Amino acid sequence: MSDVFNNIWVTICEWYQSYSSLIHSVFPSQLGDLVEGILDIIVVCLLIKIIASVAFGTKNNG
C-alpha cells in the first residue's frame, strides 16, 4: 500500500516539475515565480470550491 502512495506522490512531483518548467520557459525568473504562485492559488481555490460544493451539495439535496 505504501508503494502505491509513493508512486502517486512521485507522479504528482514530476507533473508539477513539468508545469513549473513550462511556466519558467515562457516567463523570466521572478515573473515566472509570481505567475506560478498565482496559478497555484487559483488551482487550490478551485479544488476547495469543488470539494465544498460536492460535500455541502449532497447535504442540501438530501
N, C-alpha and C. Protein backbone atom coordinates (compact mmCIF):
# COMPACT_ATOMS: atom_id res chain seq x y z
N MET A 1 0.82 -1.20 0.00
CA MET A 1 0.00 0.00 0.00
C MET A 1 0.86 1.26 0.00
N SER A 2 1.96 1.20 0.72
CA SER A 2 2.87 2.33 0.78
C SER A 2 3.46 2.65 -0.59
N ASP A 3 3.73 1.61 -1.37
CA ASP A 3 4.29 1.82 -2.70
C ASP A 3 3.31 2.56 -3.61
N VAL A 4 2.04 2.31 -3.45
CA VAL A 4 1.03 2.99 -4.25
C VAL A 4 1.07 4.49 -3.99
N PHE A 5 1.09 4.86 -2.70
CA PHE A 5 1.13 6.28 -2.35
C PHE A 5 2.44 6.92 -2.77
N ASN A 6 3.54 6.20 -2.65
CA ASN A 6 4.83 6.72 -3.11
C ASN A 6 4.82 6.97 -4.61
N ASN A 7 4.24 6.04 -5.37
CA ASN A 7 4.17 6.21 -6.82
C ASN A 7 3.27 7.39 -7.20
N ILE A 8 2.17 7.56 -6.48
CA ILE A 8 1.29 8.71 -6.74
C ILE A 8 2.02 10.00 -6.44
N TRP A 9 2.74 10.04 -5.33
CA TRP A 9 3.47 11.26 -4.95
C TRP A 9 4.57 11.58 -5.97
N VAL A 10 5.29 10.57 -6.43
CA VAL A 10 6.33 10.77 -7.43
C VAL A 10 5.73 11.31 -8.72
N THR A 11 4.59 10.78 -9.13
CA THR A 11 3.92 11.26 -10.34
C THR A 11 3.48 12.71 -10.19
N ILE A 12 2.91 13.05 -9.03
CA ILE A 12 2.49 14.43 -8.79
C ILE A 12 3.69 15.37 -8.85
N CYS A 13 4.80 14.98 -8.25
CA CYS A 13 6.01 15.81 -8.26
C CYS A 13 6.56 15.98 -9.68
N GLU A 14 6.53 14.93 -10.47
CA GLU A 14 7.02 15.02 -11.86
C GLU A 14 6.14 15.95 -12.67
N TRP A 15 4.82 15.84 -12.52
CA TRP A 15 3.90 16.72 -13.24
C TRP A 15 4.09 18.17 -12.81
N TYR A 16 4.27 18.41 -11.52
CA TYR A 16 4.46 19.78 -11.04
C TYR A 16 5.77 20.36 -11.57
N GLN A 17 6.81 19.54 -11.63
CA GLN A 17 8.10 19.99 -12.18
C GLN A 17 7.95 20.35 -13.65
N SER A 18 7.20 19.57 -14.40
CA SER A 18 6.96 19.86 -15.81
C SER A 18 6.17 21.16 -15.96
N TYR A 19 5.15 21.32 -15.13
CA TYR A 19 4.32 22.53 -15.12
C TYR A 19 5.18 23.76 -14.79
N SER A 20 6.03 23.63 -13.79
CA SER A 20 6.90 24.73 -13.38
C SER A 20 7.90 25.07 -14.50
N SER A 21 8.45 24.06 -15.12
CA SER A 21 9.40 24.29 -16.21
C SER A 21 8.73 24.99 -17.39
N LEU A 22 7.49 24.60 -17.68
CA LEU A 22 6.75 25.24 -18.77
C LEU A 22 6.54 26.72 -18.48
N ILE A 23 6.11 27.04 -17.26
CA ILE A 23 5.88 28.44 -16.90
C ILE A 23 7.19 29.23 -16.98
N HIS A 24 8.28 28.65 -16.48
CA HIS A 24 9.55 29.37 -16.48
C HIS A 24 10.18 29.43 -17.86
N SER A 25 9.73 28.61 -18.79
CA SER A 25 10.23 28.73 -20.16
C SER A 25 9.54 29.89 -20.88
N VAL A 26 8.36 30.27 -20.39
CA VAL A 26 7.62 31.38 -21.00
C VAL A 26 7.95 32.71 -20.33
N PHE A 27 8.03 32.71 -19.00
CA PHE A 27 8.27 33.93 -18.24
C PHE A 27 9.66 33.89 -17.61
N PRO A 28 10.31 35.06 -17.48
CA PRO A 28 11.61 35.11 -16.80
C PRO A 28 11.50 34.74 -15.32
N SER A 29 12.61 34.62 -14.66
CA SER A 29 12.71 34.00 -13.33
C SER A 29 11.70 34.52 -12.30
N GLN A 30 11.79 35.77 -11.89
CA GLN A 30 10.91 36.25 -10.82
C GLN A 30 9.47 36.39 -11.29
N LEU A 31 9.27 36.79 -12.53
CA LEU A 31 7.91 36.87 -13.07
C LEU A 31 7.32 35.47 -13.18
N GLY A 32 8.15 34.50 -13.55
CA GLY A 32 7.70 33.11 -13.60
C GLY A 32 7.29 32.61 -12.23
N ASP A 33 8.05 32.98 -11.20
CA ASP A 33 7.69 32.60 -9.83
C ASP A 33 6.34 33.19 -9.44
N LEU A 34 6.13 34.47 -9.81
CA LEU A 34 4.87 35.14 -9.49
C LEU A 34 3.70 34.47 -10.21
N VAL A 35 3.86 34.23 -11.50
CA VAL A 35 2.79 33.58 -12.28
C VAL A 35 2.50 32.19 -11.72
N GLU A 36 3.54 31.44 -11.41
CA GLU A 36 3.36 30.10 -10.86
C GLU A 36 2.62 30.16 -9.52
N GLY A 37 2.98 31.09 -8.67
CA GLY A 37 2.31 31.24 -7.38
C GLY A 37 0.84 31.60 -7.53
N ILE A 38 0.54 32.52 -8.45
CA ILE A 38 -0.85 32.92 -8.67
C ILE A 38 -1.66 31.75 -9.21
N LEU A 39 -1.09 31.02 -10.17
CA LEU A 39 -1.80 29.85 -10.71
C LEU A 39 -2.00 28.77 -9.66
N ASP A 40 -1.01 28.60 -8.78
CA ASP A 40 -1.16 27.63 -7.69
C ASP A 40 -2.32 28.01 -6.77
N ILE A 41 -2.42 29.29 -6.44
CA ILE A 41 -3.50 29.76 -5.57
C ILE A 41 -4.85 29.56 -6.25
N ILE A 42 -4.94 29.84 -7.55
CA ILE A 42 -6.18 29.67 -8.29
C ILE A 42 -6.60 28.19 -8.29
N VAL A 43 -5.65 27.31 -8.54
CA VAL A 43 -5.95 25.87 -8.57
C VAL A 43 -6.43 25.39 -7.21
N VAL A 44 -5.77 25.81 -6.15
CA VAL A 44 -6.18 25.40 -4.80
C VAL A 44 -7.58 25.92 -4.48
N CYS A 45 -7.86 27.16 -4.83
CA CYS A 45 -9.20 27.71 -4.58
C CYS A 45 -10.27 26.94 -5.36
N LEU A 46 -9.98 26.59 -6.60
CA LEU A 46 -10.93 25.80 -7.38
C LEU A 46 -11.15 24.42 -6.78
N LEU A 47 -10.09 23.79 -6.32
CA LEU A 47 -10.23 22.47 -5.68
C LEU A 47 -11.07 22.56 -4.41
N ILE A 48 -10.84 23.59 -3.61
CA ILE A 48 -11.62 23.77 -2.38
C ILE A 48 -13.09 24.02 -2.72
N LYS A 49 -13.34 24.83 -3.75
CA LYS A 49 -14.72 25.11 -4.16
C LYS A 49 -15.41 23.84 -4.65
N ILE A 50 -14.72 23.02 -5.43
CA ILE A 50 -15.31 21.78 -5.92
C ILE A 50 -15.61 20.82 -4.77
N ILE A 51 -14.66 20.66 -3.87
CA ILE A 51 -14.86 19.76 -2.74
C ILE A 51 -15.99 20.26 -1.85
N ALA A 52 -16.04 21.56 -1.60
CA ALA A 52 -17.10 22.11 -0.75
C ALA A 52 -18.47 21.97 -1.42
N SER A 53 -18.54 22.21 -2.72
CA SER A 53 -19.84 22.09 -3.39
C SER A 53 -20.32 20.65 -3.41
N VAL A 54 -19.41 19.70 -3.54
CA VAL A 54 -19.80 18.28 -3.50
C VAL A 54 -20.24 17.92 -2.08
N ALA A 55 -19.49 18.33 -1.10
CA ALA A 55 -19.78 17.97 0.29
C ALA A 55 -21.09 18.60 0.76
N PHE A 56 -21.28 19.88 0.52
CA PHE A 56 -22.47 20.56 1.01
C PHE A 56 -23.64 20.44 0.04
N GLY A 57 -23.35 20.16 -1.22
CA GLY A 57 -24.43 19.96 -2.19
C GLY A 57 -25.22 18.71 -1.91
N THR A 58 -24.55 17.65 -1.51
CA THR A 58 -25.26 16.42 -1.18
C THR A 58 -26.07 16.60 0.10
N LYS A 59 -25.59 17.44 1.03
CA LYS A 59 -26.33 17.68 2.27
C LYS A 59 -27.62 18.45 1.97
N ASN A 60 -27.54 19.43 1.10
CA ASN A 60 -28.72 20.24 0.80
C ASN A 60 -29.73 19.47 -0.07
N ASN A 61 -29.24 18.59 -0.92
CA ASN A 61 -30.14 17.82 -1.78
C ASN A 61 -30.82 16.69 -1.03
N GLY A 62 -30.23 16.24 0.07
CA GLY A 62 -30.77 15.09 0.79
C GLY A 62 -31.67 15.46 1.85
